[in-house]
Amino acid sequence: MRFPWLAAIILTGCTGEANHLGNPLLWPVQAVTTGIENGLYSSRRGAVEIAVKSNFDEIIQEIAAGGGDKLSLAMDEARIPAQDRPARILQLQGDQPIYDANPGALVTALMVYGN
């Protein structure tokens, strides 16, 4: 065998035990699926950013008021389930001083709450 180290790498990647790299035979598939997932996440995050930044002042007021159309639009874009929204609004109200001057933090919070 010319490259014993290559055989060792391939065989250790195929063990049944836990490892952080996973099966090397699946790496190409994982690369493609990760790329697709990242693209979908980036697209959704972009839509949430547009919704938040274009209506930021109204959304901040709606958070304080307990809800509203612009906040609902941002939550729709973040795919926050309707049944979770009352609890999420309470969380946003509790952290409102963080979001008052930081639309990026609000976008991140909405993305974390979304599916």
PDB file of N, CA and C in Angstrom:
ATOM      1  N   MET A   1       0.846  -1.168   0.000  1.00  0.00           N
ATOM      2  CA  MET A   1       0.000   0.000   0.000  1.00  0.00           C
ATOM      3  C   MET A   1       0.892   1.230   0.000  1.00  0.00           C
ATOM      4  N   ARG A   2       0.622   2.152  -0.888  1.00  0.00           N
ATOM      5  CA  ARG A   2       1.476   3.332  -1.046  1.00  0.00           C
ATOM      6  C   ARG A   2       1.252   4.388   0.027  1.00  0.00           C
ATOM      7  N   PHE A   3       0.018   4.566   0.410  1.00  0.00           N
ATOM      8  CA  PHE A   3      -0.307   5.650   1.333  1.00  0.00           C
ATOM      9  C   PHE A   3      -1.020   5.090   2.575  1.00  0.00           C
ATOM     10  N   PRO A   4      -0.276   4.499   3.493  1.00  0.00           N
ATOM     11  CA  PRO A   4      -0.939   3.914   4.671  1.00  0.00           C
ATOM     12  C   PRO A   4      -1.634   4.969   5.535  1.00  0.00           C
ATOM     13  N   TRP A   5      -1.129   6.177   5.540  1.00  0.00           N
ATOM     14  CA  TRP A   5      -1.755   7.233   6.342  1.00  0.00           C
ATOM     15  C   TRP A   5      -3.128   7.596   5.796  1.00  0.00           C
ATOM     16  N   LEU A   6      -3.284   7.518   4.461  1.00  0.00           N
ATOM     17  CA  LEU A   6      -4.577   7.799   3.855  1.00  0.00           C
ATOM     18  C   LEU A   6      -5.603   6.736   4.251  1.00  0.00           C
ATOM     19  N   ALA A   7      -5.179   5.491   4.247  1.00  0.00           N
ATOM     20  CA  ALA A   7      -6.074   4.412   4.667  1.00  0.00           C
ATOM     21  C   ALA A   7      -6.464   4.581   6.132  1.00  0.00           C
ATOM     22  N   ALA A   8      -5.529   4.995   6.956  1.00  0.00           N
ATOM     23  CA  ALA A   8      -5.821   5.201   8.380  1.00  0.00           C
ATOM     24  C   ALA A   8      -6.839   6.317   8.568  1.00  0.00           C
ATOM     25  N   ILE A   9      -6.697   7.387   7.816  1.00  0.00           N
ATOM     26  CA  ILE A   9      -7.644   8.499   7.917  1.00  0.00           C
ATOM     27  C   ILE A   9      -9.041   8.057   7.490  1.00  0.00           C
ATOM     28  N   ILE A  10      -9.124   7.354   6.393  1.00  0.00           N
ATOM     29  CA  ILE A  10     -10.419   6.910   5.883  1.00  0.00           C
ATOM     30  C   ILE A  10     -11.078   5.934   6.850  1.00  0.00           C
ATOM     31  N   LEU A  11     -10.303   4.996   7.368  1.00  0.00           N
ATOM     32  CA  LEU A  11     -10.874   4.001   8.266  1.00  0.00           C
ATOM     33  C   LEU A  11     -11.295   4.597   9.609  1.00  0.00           C
ATOM     34  N   THR A  12     -10.538   5.542  10.126  1.00  0.00           N
ATOM     35  CA  THR A  12     -10.935   6.141  11.401  1.00  0.00           C
ATOM     36  C   THR A  12     -12.174   7.008  11.231  1.00  0.00           C
ATOM     37  N   GLY A  13     -12.374   7.540  10.060  1.00  0.00           N
ATOM     38  CA  GLY A  13     -13.577   8.332   9.811  1.00  0.00           C
ATOM     39  C   GLY A  13     -14.830   7.480   9.742  1.00  0.00           C
ATOM     40  N   CYS A  14     -14.681   6.185   9.545  1.00  0.00           N
ATOM     41  CA  CYS A  14     -15.823   5.293   9.412  1.00  0.00           C
ATOM     42  C   CYS A  14     -16.130   4.531  10.698  1.00  0.00           C
ATOM     43  N   THR A  15     -15.590   4.954  11.814  1.00  0.00           N
ATOM     44  CA  THR A  15     -15.863   4.262  13.070  1.00  0.00           C
ATOM     45  C   THR A  15     -17.293   4.518  13.507  1.00  0.00           C
ATOM     46  N   GLY A  16     -17.779   3.648  14.346  1.00  0.00           N
ATOM     47  CA  GLY A  16     -19.118   3.802  14.881  1.00  0.00           C
ATOM     48  C   GLY A  16     -19.159   4.683  16.112  1.00  0.00           C
ATOM     49  N   GLU A  17     -18.004   5.125  16.571  1.00  0.00           N
ATOM     50  CA  GLU A  17     -17.943   5.946  17.772  1.00  0.00           C
ATOM     51  C   GLU A  17     -18.118   7.419  17.422  1.00  0.00           C
ATOM     52  N   ALA A  18     -18.463   8.176  18.439  1.00  0.00           N
ATOM     53  CA  ALA A  18     -18.677   9.608  18.229  1.00  0.00           C
ATOM     54  C   ALA A  18     -17.378  10.309  17.854  1.00  0.00           C
ATOM     55  N   ASN A  19     -17.461  11.189  16.913  1.00  0.00           N
ATOM     56  CA  ASN A  19     -16.338  12.056  16.565  1.00  0.00           C
ATOM     57  C   ASN A  19     -16.913  13.351  16.009  1.00  0.00           C
ATOM     58  N   HIS A  20     -16.117  14.369  15.985  1.00  0.00           N
ATOM     59  CA  HIS A  20     -16.633  15.672  15.570  1.00  0.00           C
ATOM     60  C   HIS A  20     -16.668  15.859  14.060  1.00  0.00           C
ATOM     61  N   LEU A  21     -16.039  14.987  13.328  1.00  0.00           N
ATOM     62  CA  LEU A  21     -16.011  15.152  11.876  1.00  0.00           C
ATOM     63  C   LEU A  21     -17.122  14.391  11.165  1.00  0.00           C
ATOM     64  N   GLY A  22     -17.615  13.350  11.772  1.00  0.00           N
ATOM     65  CA  GLY A  22     -18.633  12.554  11.119  1.00  0.00           C
ATOM     66  C   GLY A  22     -18.035  11.647  10.059  1.00  0.00           C
ATOM     67  N   ASN A  23     -18.873  11.008   9.316  1.00  0.00           N
ATOM     68  CA  ASN A  23     -18.451  10.086   8.277  1.00  0.00           C
ATOM     69  C   ASN A  23     -17.935  10.873   7.071  1.00  0.00           C
ATOM     70  N   PRO A  24     -16.677  10.647   6.676  1.00  0.00           N
ATOM     71  CA  PRO A  24     -16.129  11.416   5.551  1.00  0.00           C
ATOM     72  C   PRO A  24     -16.838  11.153   4.227  1.00  0.00           C
ATOM     73  N   LEU A  25     -17.520  10.036   4.129  1.00  0.00           N
ATOM     74  CA  LEU A  25     -18.257   9.764   2.896  1.00  0.00           C
ATOM     75  C   LEU A  25     -19.468  10.684   2.753  1.00  0.00           C
ATOM     76  N   LEU A  26     -19.918  11.249   3.872  1.00  0.00           N
ATOM     77  CA  LEU A  26     -21.071  12.144   3.836  1.00  0.00           C
ATOM     78  C   LEU A  26     -20.680  13.615   3.755  1.00  0.00           C
ATOM     79  N   TRP A  27     -19.406  13.936   3.799  1.00  0.00           N
ATOM     80  CA  TRP A  27     -18.968  15.331   3.777  1.00  0.00           C
ATOM     81  C   TRP A  27     -19.493  16.108   2.570  1.00  0.00           C
ATOM     82  N   PRO A  28     -19.448  15.555   1.365  1.00  0.00           N
ATOM     83  CA  PRO A  28     -19.969  16.329   0.225  1.00  0.00           C
ATOM     84  C   PRO A  28     -21.461  16.648   0.375  1.00  0.00           C
ATOM     85  N   VAL A  29     -22.226  15.693   0.871  1.00  0.00           N
ATOM     86  CA  VAL A  29     -23.660  15.917   1.071  1.00  0.00           C
ATOM     87  C   VAL A  29     -23.872  16.964   2.158  1.00  0.00           C
ATOM     88  N   GLN A  30     -23.100  16.860   3.245  1.00  0.00           N
ATOM     89  CA  GLN A  30     -23.219  17.831   4.335  1.00  0.00           C
ATOM     90  C   GLN A  30     -22.837  19.229   3.864  1.00  0.00           C
ATOM     91  N   ALA A  31     -21.854  19.323   2.996  1.00  0.00           N
ATOM     92  CA  ALA A  31     -21.448  20.634   2.483  1.00  0.00           C
ATOM     93  C   ALA A  31     -22.577  21.272   1.676  1.00  0.00           C
ATOM     94  N   VAL A  32     -23.223  20.480   0.855  1.00  0.00           N
ATOM     95  CA  VAL A  32     -24.322  21.003   0.041  1.00  0.00           C
ATOM     96  C   VAL A  32     -25.497  21.414   0.925  1.00  0.00           C
ATOM     97  N   THR A  33     -25.886  20.541   1.862  1.00  0.00           N
ATOM     98  CA  THR A  33     -27.036  20.867   2.710  1.00  0.00           C
ATOM     99  C   THR A  33     -26.740  22.059   3.620  1.00  0.00           C
ATOM    100  N   THR A  34     -25.515  22.162   4.110  1.00  0.00           N
ATOM    101  CA  THR A  34     -25.156  23.315   4.936  1.00  0.00           C
ATOM    102  C   THR A  34     -25.229  24.598   4.121  1.00  0.00           C
ATOM    103  N   GLY A  35     -24.766  24.548   2.893  1.00  0.00           N
ATOM    104  CA  GLY A  35     -24.847  25.720   2.024  1.00  0.00           C
ATOM    105  C   GLY A  35     -26.281  26.145   1.768  1.00  0.00           C
ATOM    106  N   ILE A  36     -27.149  25.181   1.543  1.00  0.00           N
ATOM    107  CA  ILE A  36     -28.565  25.486   1.317  1.00  0.00           C
ATOM    108  C   ILE A  36     -29.190  26.078   2.577  1.00  0.00           C
ATOM    109  N   GLU A  37     -28.909  25.449   3.734  1.00  0.00           N
ATOM    110  CA  GLU A  37     -29.465  25.954   4.997  1.00  0.00           C
ATOM    111  C   GLU A  37     -28.983  27.373   5.283  1.00  0.00           C
ATOM    112  N   ASN A  38     -27.712  27.636   5.050  1.00  0.00           N
ATOM    113  CA  ASN A  38     -27.176  28.981   5.279  1.00  0.00           C
ATOM    114  C   ASN A  38     -27.826  29.999   4.348  1.00  0.00           C
ATOM    115  N   GLY A  39     -28.049  29.609   3.109  1.00  0.00           N
ATOM    116  CA  GLY A  39     -28.702  30.507   2.161  1.00  0.00           C
ATOM    117  C   GLY A  39     -30.130  30.831   2.570  1.00  0.00           C
ATOM    118  N   LEU A  40     -30.862  29.817   3.021  1.00  0.00           N
ATOM    119  CA  LEU A  40     -32.237  30.038   3.468  1.00  0.00           C
ATOM    120  C   LEU A  40     -32.275  30.915   4.716  1.00  0.00           C
ATOM    121  N   TYR A  41     -31.355  30.666   5.650  1.00  0.00           N
ATOM    122  CA  TYR A  41     -31.298  31.481   6.869  1.00  0.00           C
ATOM    123  C   TYR A  41     -30.970  32.929   6.523  1.00  0.00           C
ATOM    124  N   SER A  42     -30.001  33.122   5.648  1.00  0.00           N
ATOM    125  CA  SER A  42     -29.612  34.485   5.268  1.00  0.00           C
ATOM    126  C   SER A  42     -30.760  35.220   4.591  1.00  0.00           C
ATOM    127  N   SER A  43     -31.497  34.522   3.762  1.00  0.00           N
ATOM    128  CA  SER A  43     -32.645  35.127   3.087  1.00  0.00           C
ATOM    129  C   SER A  43     -33.709  35.541   4.097  1.00  0.00           C
ATOM    130  N   ARG A  44     -34.012  34.650   5.040  1.00  0.00           N
ATOM    131  CA  ARG A  44     -35.009  34.961   6.059  1.00  0.00           C
ATOM    132  C   ARG A  44     -34.540  36.102   6.948  1.00  0.00           C
ATOM    133  N   ARG A  45     -33.264  36.084   7.339  1.00  0.00           N
ATOM    134  CA  ARG A  45     -32.729  37.152   8.183  1.00  0.00           C
ATOM    135  C   ARG A  45     -32.798  38.492   7.448  1.00  0.00           C
ATOM    136  N   GLY A  46     -32.516  38.478   6.152  1.00  0.00           N
ATOM    137  CA  GLY A  46     -32.611  39.705   5.370  1.00  0.00           C
ATOM    138  C   GLY A  46     -34.020  40.267   5.367  1.00  0.00           C
ATOM    139  N   ALA A  47     -35.007  39.393   5.242  1.00  0.00           N
ATOM    140  CA  ALA A  47     -36.402  39.846   5.263  1.00  0.00           C
ATOM    141  C   ALA A  47     -36.774  40.417   6.629  1.00  0.00           C
ATOM    142  N   VAL A  48     -36.274  39.798   7.695  1.00  0.00           N
ATOM    143  CA  VAL A  48     -36.547  40.305   9.047  1.00  0.00           C
ATOM    144  C   VAL A  48     -35.866  41.653   9.239  1.00  0.00           C
ATOM    145  N   GLU A  49     -34.634  41.787   8.761  1.00  0.00           N
ATOM    146  CA  GLU A  49     -33.917  43.066   8.881  1.00  0.00           C
ATOM    147  C   GLU A  49     -34.658  44.183   8.161  1.00  0.00           C
ATOM    148  N   ILE A  50     -35.147  43.902   6.969  1.00  0.00           N
ATOM    149  CA  ILE A  50     -35.895  44.920   6.219  1.00  0.00           C
ATOM    150  C   ILE A  50     -37.159  45.308   6.978  1.00  0.00           C
ATOM    151  N   ALA A  51     -37.881  44.304   7.486  1.00  0.00           N
ATOM    152  CA  ALA A  51     -39.115  44.590   8.222  1.00  0.00           C
ATOM    153  C   ALA A  51     -38.837  45.414   9.474  1.00  0.00           C
ATOM    154  N   VAL A  52     -37.766  45.087  10.194  1.00  0.00           N
ATOM    155  CA  VAL A  52     -37.456  45.801  11.439  1.00  0.00           C
ATOM    156  C   VAL A  52     -36.911  47.189  11.152  1.00  0.00           C
ATOM    157  N   LYS A  53     -35.933  47.284  10.270  1.00  0.00           N
ATOM    158  CA  LYS A  53     -35.269  48.571  10.059  1.00  0.00           C
ATOM    159  C   LYS A  53     -36.152  49.584   9.333  1.00  0.00           C
ATOM    160  N   SER A  54     -37.069  49.121   8.511  1.00  0.00           N
ATOM    161  CA  SER A  54     -37.941  50.069   7.816  1.00  0.00           C
ATOM    162  C   SER A  54     -39.103  50.535   8.694  1.00  0.00           C
ATOM    163  N   ASN A  55     -39.362  49.839   9.779  1.00  0.00           N
ATOM    164  CA  ASN A  55     -40.466  50.199  10.679  1.00  0.00           C
ATOM    165  C   ASN A  55     -40.001  50.249  12.131  1.00  0.00           C
ATOM    166  N   PHE A  56     -38.741  50.578  12.350  1.00  0.00           N
ATOM    167  CA  PHE A  56     -38.145  50.421  13.676  1.00  0.00           C
ATOM    168  C   PHE A  56     -38.877  51.206  14.760  1.00  0.00           C
ATOM    169  N   ASP A  57     -39.135  52.483  14.533  1.00  0.00           N
ATOM    170  CA  ASP A  57     -39.784  53.302  15.567  1.00  0.00           C
ATOM    171  C   ASP A  57     -41.176  52.767  15.917  1.00  0.00           C
ATOM    172  N   GLU A  58     -41.929  52.358  14.892  1.00  0.00           N
ATOM    173  CA  GLU A  58     -43.259  51.812  15.137  1.00  0.00           C
ATOM    174  C   GLU A  58     -43.185  50.492  15.902  1.00  0.00           C
ATOM    175  N   ILE A  59     -42.219  49.646  15.540  1.00  0.00           N
ATOM    176  CA  ILE A  59     -42.081  48.349  16.210  1.00  0.00           C
ATOM    177  C   ILE A  59     -41.734  48.541  17.682  1.00  0.00           C
ATOM    178  N   ILE A  60     -40.851  49.485  17.976  1.00  0.00           N
ATOM    179  CA  ILE A  60     -40.494  49.757  19.372  1.00  0.00           C
ATOM    180  C   ILE A  60     -41.739  50.189  20.156  1.00  0.00           C
ATOM    181  N   GLN A  61     -42.554  51.046  19.563  1.00  0.00           N
ATOM    182  CA  GLN A  61     -43.795  51.478  20.224  1.00  0.00           C
ATOM    183  C   GLN A  61     -44.767  50.306  20.395  1.00  0.00           C
ATOM    184  N   GLU A  62     -44.830  49.441  19.384  1.00  0.00           N
ATOM    185  CA  GLU A  62     -45.739  48.297  19.451  1.00  0.00           C
ATOM    186  C   GLU A  62     -45.291  47.271  20.489  1.00  0.00           C
ATOM    187  N   ILE A  63     -43.989  47.132  20.671  1.00  0.00           N
ATOM    188  CA  ILE A  63     -43.502  46.239  21.729  1.00  0.00           C
ATOM    189  C   ILE A  63     -43.986  46.752  23.082  1.00  0.00           C
ATOM    190  N   ALA A  64     -43.837  48.052  23.312  1.00  0.00           N
ATOM    191  CA  ALA A  64     -44.284  48.645  24.580  1.00  0.00           C
ATOM    192  C   ALA A  64     -45.796  48.506  24.754  1.00  0.00           C
ATOM    193  N   ALA A  65     -46.537  48.585  23.640  1.00  0.00           N
ATOM    194  CA  ALA A  65     -48.000  48.499  23.695  1.00  0.00           C
ATOM    195  C   ALA A  65     -48.502  47.061  23.776  1.00  0.00           C
ATOM    196  N   GLY A  66     -47.637  46.090  23.533  1.00  0.00           N
ATOM    197  CA  GLY A  66     -48.053  44.692  23.602  1.00  0.00           C
ATOM    198  C   GLY A  66     -48.419  44.072  22.276  1.00  0.00           C
ATOM    199  N   GLY A  67     -48.087  44.735  21.177  1.00  0.00           N
ATOM    200  CA  GLY A  67     -48.340  44.162  19.859  1.00  0.00           C
ATOM    201  C   GLY A  67     -48.812  45.200  18.872  1.00  0.00           C
ATOM    202  N   GLY A  68     -48.846  44.793  17.601  1.00  0.00           N
ATOM    203  CA  GLY A  68     -49.272  45.687  16.537  1.00  0.00           C
ATOM    204  C   GLY A  68     -48.949  45.101  15.181  1.00  0.00           C
ATOM    205  N   ASP A  69     -49.382  45.799  14.129  1.00  0.00           N
ATOM    206  CA  ASP A  69     -49.232  45.298  12.762  1.00  0.00           C
ATOM    207  C   ASP A  69     -47.775  45.162  12.329  1.00  0.00           C
ATOM    208  N   LYS A  70     -46.966  46.164  12.600  1.00  0.00           N
ATOM    209  CA  LYS A  70     -45.565  46.138  12.151  1.00  0.00           C
ATOM    210  C   LYS A  70     -44.776  45.060  12.894  1.00  0.00           C
ATOM    211  N   LEU A  71     -45.039  44.919  14.191  1.00  0.00           N
ATOM    212  CA  LEU A  71     -44.387  43.866  14.969  1.00  0.00           C
ATOM    213  C   LEU A  71     -44.829  42.494  14.477  1.00  0.00           C
ATOM    214  N   SER A  72     -46.111  42.356  14.155  1.00  0.00           N
ATOM    215  CA  SER A  72     -46.617  41.087  13.616  1.00  0.00           C
ATOM    216  C   SER A  72     -45.959  40.758  12.285  1.00  0.00           C
ATOM    217  N   LEU A  73     -45.756  41.773  11.447  1.00  0.00           N
ATOM    218  CA  LEU A  73     -45.079  41.559  10.170  1.00  0.00           C
ATOM    219  C   LEU A  73     -43.658  41.045  10.393  1.00  0.00           C
ATOM    220  N   ALA A  74     -42.930  41.673  11.321  1.00  0.00           N
ATOM    221  CA  ALA A  74     -41.564  41.230  11.614  1.00  0.00           C
ATOM    222  C   ALA A  74     -41.565  39.812  12.173  1.00  0.00           C
ATOM    223  N   MET A  75     -42.538  39.496  13.007  1.00  0.00           N
ATOM    224  CA  MET A  75     -42.632  38.142  13.563  1.00  0.00           C
ATOM    225  C   MET A  75     -43.019  37.131  12.488  1.00  0.00           C
ATOM    226  N   ASP A  76     -43.846  37.549  11.536  1.00  0.00           N
ATOM    227  CA  ASP A  76     -44.172  36.679  10.403  1.00  0.00           C
ATOM    228  C   ASP A  76     -42.915  36.352   9.606  1.00  0.00           C
ATOM    229  N   GLU A  77     -42.117  37.362   9.331  1.00  0.00           N
ATOM    230  CA  GLU A  77     -40.885  37.154   8.562  1.00  0.00           C
ATOM    231  C   GLU A  77     -39.905  36.249   9.309  1.00  0.00           C
ATOM    232  N   ALA A  78     -39.898  36.349  10.645  1.00  0.00           N
ATOM    233  CA  ALA A  78     -39.007  35.511  11.456  1.00  0.00           C
ATOM    234  C   ALA A  78     -39.589  34.125  11.694  1.00  0.00           C
ATOM    235  N   ARG A  79     -40.821  33.908  11.261  1.00  0.00           N
ATOM    236  CA  ARG A  79     -41.527  32.637  11.428  1.00  0.00           C
ATOM    237  C   ARG A  79     -41.704  32.267  12.901  1.00  0.00           C
ATOM    238  N   ILE A  80     -42.101  33.242  13.675  1.00  0.00           N
ATOM    239  CA  ILE A  80     -42.423  32.977  15.075  1.00  0.00           C
ATOM    240  C   ILE A  80     -43.854  32.455  15.115  1.00  0.00           C
ATOM    241  N   PRO A  81     -44.071  31.256  15.656  1.00  0.00           N
ATOM    242  CA  PRO A  81     -45.424  30.695  15.688  1.00  0.00           C
ATOM    243  C   PRO A  81     -46.400  31.604  16.439  1.00  0.00           C
ATOM    244  N   ALA A  82     -47.625  31.668  15.959  1.00  0.00           N
ATOM    245  CA  ALA A  82     -48.638  32.553  16.551  1.00  0.00           C
ATOM    246  C   ALA A  82     -48.861  32.253  18.028  1.00  0.00           C
ATOM    247  N   GLN A  83     -48.818  30.981  18.397  1.00  0.00           N
ATOM    248  CA  GLN A  83     -49.063  30.632  19.796  1.00  0.00           C
ATOM    249  C   GLN A  83     -47.916  31.059  20.713  1.00  0.00           C
ATOM    250  N   ASP A  84     -46.735  31.313  20.157  1.00  0.00           N
ATOM    251  CA  ASP A  84     -45.587  31.747  20.960  1.00  0.00           C
ATOM    252  C   ASP A  84     -45.488  33.267  21.087  1.00  0.00           C
ATOM    253  N   ARG A  85     -46.213  33.989  20.288  1.00  0.00           N
ATOM    254  CA  ARG A  85     -46.025  35.441  20.213  1.00  0.00           C
ATOM    255  C   ARG A  85     -46.319  36.200  21.501  1.00  0.00           C
ATOM    256  N   PRO A  86     -47.376  35.886  22.241  1.00  0.00           N
ATOM    257  CA  PRO A  86     -47.582  36.629  23.490  1.00  0.00           C
ATOM    258  C   PRO A  86     -46.402  36.511  24.457  1.00  0.00           C
ATOM    259  N   ALA A  87     -45.854  35.315  24.585  1.00  0.00           N
ATOM    260  CA  ALA A  87     -44.694  35.132  25.469  1.00  0.00           C
ATOM    261  C   ALA A  87     -43.477  35.866  24.927  1.00  0.00           C
ATOM    262  N   ARG A  88     -43.300  35.853  23.623  1.00  0.00           N
ATOM    263  CA  ARG A  88     -42.148  36.538  23.020  1.00  0.00           C
ATOM    264  C   ARG A  88     -42.267  38.048  23.172  1.00  0.00           C
ATOM    265  N   ILE A  89     -43.480  38.570  23.073  1.00  0.00           N
ATOM    266  CA  ILE A  89     -43.672  40.014  23.262  1.00  0.00           C
ATOM    267  C   ILE A  89     -43.324  40.400  24.699  1.00  0.00           C
ATOM    268  N   LEU A  90     -43.710  39.564  25.654  1.00  0.00           N
ATOM    269  CA  LEU A  90     -43.336  39.831  27.053  1.00  0.00           C
ATOM    270  C   LEU A  90     -41.820  39.833  27.226  1.00  0.00           C
ATOM    271  N   GLN A  91     -41.152  38.892  26.555  1.00  0.00           N
ATOM    272  CA  GLN A  91     -39.688  38.866  26.627  1.00  0.00           C
ATOM    273  C   GLN A  91     -39.089  40.118  25.994  1.00  0.00           C
ATOM    274  N   LEU A  92     -39.636  40.527  24.862  1.00  0.00           N
ATOM    275  CA  LEU A  92     -39.148  41.746  24.211  1.00  0.00           C
ATOM    276  C   LEU A  92     -39.382  42.965  25.100  1.00  0.00           C
ATOM    277  N   GLN A  93     -40.527  43.011  25.765  1.00  0.00           N
ATOM    278  CA  GLN A  93     -40.807  44.126  26.670  1.00  0.00           C
ATOM    279  C   GLN A  93     -39.816  44.154  27.829  1.00  0.00           C
ATOM    280  N   GLY A  94     -39.461  42.989  28.341  1.00  0.00           N
ATOM    281  CA  GLY A  94     -38.509  42.919  29.440  1.00  0.00           C
ATOM    282  C   GLY A  94     -37.118  43.386  29.052  1.00  0.00           C
ATOM    283  N   ASP A  95     -36.777  43.204  27.788  1.00  0.00           N
ATOM    284  CA  ASP A  95     -35.448  43.595  27.302  1.00  0.00           C
ATOM    285  C   ASP A  95     -35.496  44.848  26.437  1.00  0.00           C
ATOM    286  N   GLN A  96     -36.582  45.582  26.478  1.00  0.00           N
ATOM    287  CA  GLN A  96     -36.753  46.716  25.570  1.00  0.00           C
ATOM    288  C   GLN A  96     -35.622  47.741  25.619  1.00  0.00           C
ATOM    289  N   PRO A  97     -35.026  48.044  26.777  1.00  0.00           N
ATOM    290  CA  PRO A  97     -33.914  49.008  26.761  1.00  0.00           C
ATOM    291  C   PRO A  97     -32.764  48.587  25.836  1.00  0.00           C
ATOM    292  N   ILE A  98     -32.600  47.287  25.653  1.00  0.00           N
ATOM    293  CA  ILE A  98     -31.552  46.799  24.743  1.00  0.00           C
ATOM    294  C   ILE A  98     -31.901  47.156  23.302  1.00  0.00           C
ATOM    295  N   TYR A  99     -33.179  47.049  22.956  1.00  0.00           N
ATOM    296  CA  TYR A  99     -33.604  47.217  21.570  1.00  0.00           C
ATOM    297  C   TYR A  99     -33.880  48.663  21.181  1.00  0.00           C
ATOM    298  N   ASP A 100     -34.079  49.536  22.155  1.00  0.00           N
ATOM    299  CA  ASP A 100     -34.469  50.916  21.859  1.00  0.00           C
ATOM    300  C   ASP A 100     -33.529  51.617  20.883  1.00  0.00           C
ATOM    301  N   ALA A 101     -32.256  51.345  20.969  1.00  0.00           N
ATOM    302  CA  ALA A 101     -31.290  52.009  20.084  1.00  0.00           C
ATOM    303  C   ALA A 101     -30.513  51.011  19.239  1.00  0.00           C
ATOM    304  N   ASN A 102     -30.980  49.755  19.172  1.00  0.00           N
ATOM    305  CA  ASN A 102     -30.193  48.732  18.498  1.00  0.00           C
ATOM    306  C   ASN A 102     -31.100  47.810  17.678  1.00  0.00           C
ATOM    307  N   PRO A 103     -31.405  48.195  16.442  1.00  0.00           N
ATOM    308  CA  PRO A 103     -32.268  47.334  15.622  1.00  0.00           C
ATOM    309  C   PRO A 103     -31.644  45.969  15.334  1.00  0.00           C
ATOM    310  N   GLY A 104     -30.322  45.904  15.290  1.00  0.00           N
ATOM    311  CA  GLY A 104     -29.661  44.618  15.049  1.00  0.00           C
ATOM    312  C   GLY A 104     -29.934  43.618  16.160  1.00  0.00           C
ATOM    313  N   ALA A 105     -29.965  44.101  17.395  1.00  0.00           N
ATOM    314  CA  ALA A 105     -30.272  43.220  18.526  1.00  0.00           C
ATOM    315  C   ALA A 105     -31.710  42.717  18.441  1.00  0.00           C
ATOM    316  N   LEU A 106     -32.617  43.574  17.997  1.00  0.00           N
ATOM    317  CA  LEU A 106     -34.013  43.161  17.841  1.00  0.00           C
ATOM    318  C   LEU A 106     -34.147  42.114  16.738  1.00  0.00           C
ATOM    319  N   VAL A 107     -33.443  42.307  15.645  1.00  0.00           N
ATOM    320  CA  VAL A 107     -33.455  41.320  14.556  1.00  0.00           C
ATOM    321  C   VAL A 107     -32.944  39.982  15.068  1.00  0.00           C
ATOM    322  N   THR A 108     -31.852  40.004  15.809  1.00  0.00           N
ATOM    323  CA  THR A 108     -31.278  38.769  16.341  1.00  0.00           C
ATOM    324  C   THR A 108     -32.258  38.075  17.278  1.00  0.00           C
ATOM    325  N   ALA A 109     -32.904  38.833  18.155  1.00  0.00           N
ATOM    326  CA  ALA A 109     -33.879  38.236  19.073  1.00  0.00           C
ATOM    327  C   ALA A 109     -35.021  37.584  18.305  1.00  0.00           C
ATOM    328  N   LEU A 110     -35.538  38.260  17.297  1.00  0.00           N
ATOM    329  CA  LEU A 110     -36.631  37.689  16.511  1.00  0.00           C
ATOM    330  C   LEU A 110     -36.189  36.421  15.786  1.00  0.00           C
ATOM    331  N   MET A 111     -34.973  36.411  15.273  1.00  0.00           N
ATOM    332  CA  MET A 111     -34.468  35.223  14.586  1.00  0.00           C
ATOM    333  C   MET A 111     -34.302  34.057  15.559  1.00  0.00           C
ATOM    334  N   VAL A 112     -33.879  34.353  16.776  1.00  0.00           N
ATOM    335  CA  VAL A 112     -33.730  33.295  17.779  1.00  0.00           C
ATOM    336  C   VAL A 112     -35.092  32.704  18.130  1.00  0.00           C
ATOM    337  N   TYR A 113     -36.111  33.553  18.235  1.00  0.00           N
ATOM    338  CA  TYR A 113     -37.446  33.086  18.590  1.00  0.00           C
ATOM    339  C   TYR A 113     -38.127  32.341  17.444  1.00  0.00           C
ATOM    340  N   GLY A 114     -37.726  32.601  16.221  1.00  0.00           N
ATOM    341  CA  GLY A 114     -38.386  32.003  15.061  1.00  0.00           C
ATOM    342  C   GLY A 114     -37.953  30.575  14.805  1.00  0.00           C
ATOM    343  N   ASN A 115     -38.649  29.945  13.877  1.00  0.00           N
ATOM    344  CA  ASN A 115     -38.328  28.563  13.498  1.00  0.00           C
ATOM    345  C   ASN A 115     -37.440  28.548  12.285  1.00  0.00           C
TER     346      ASN A 115
END
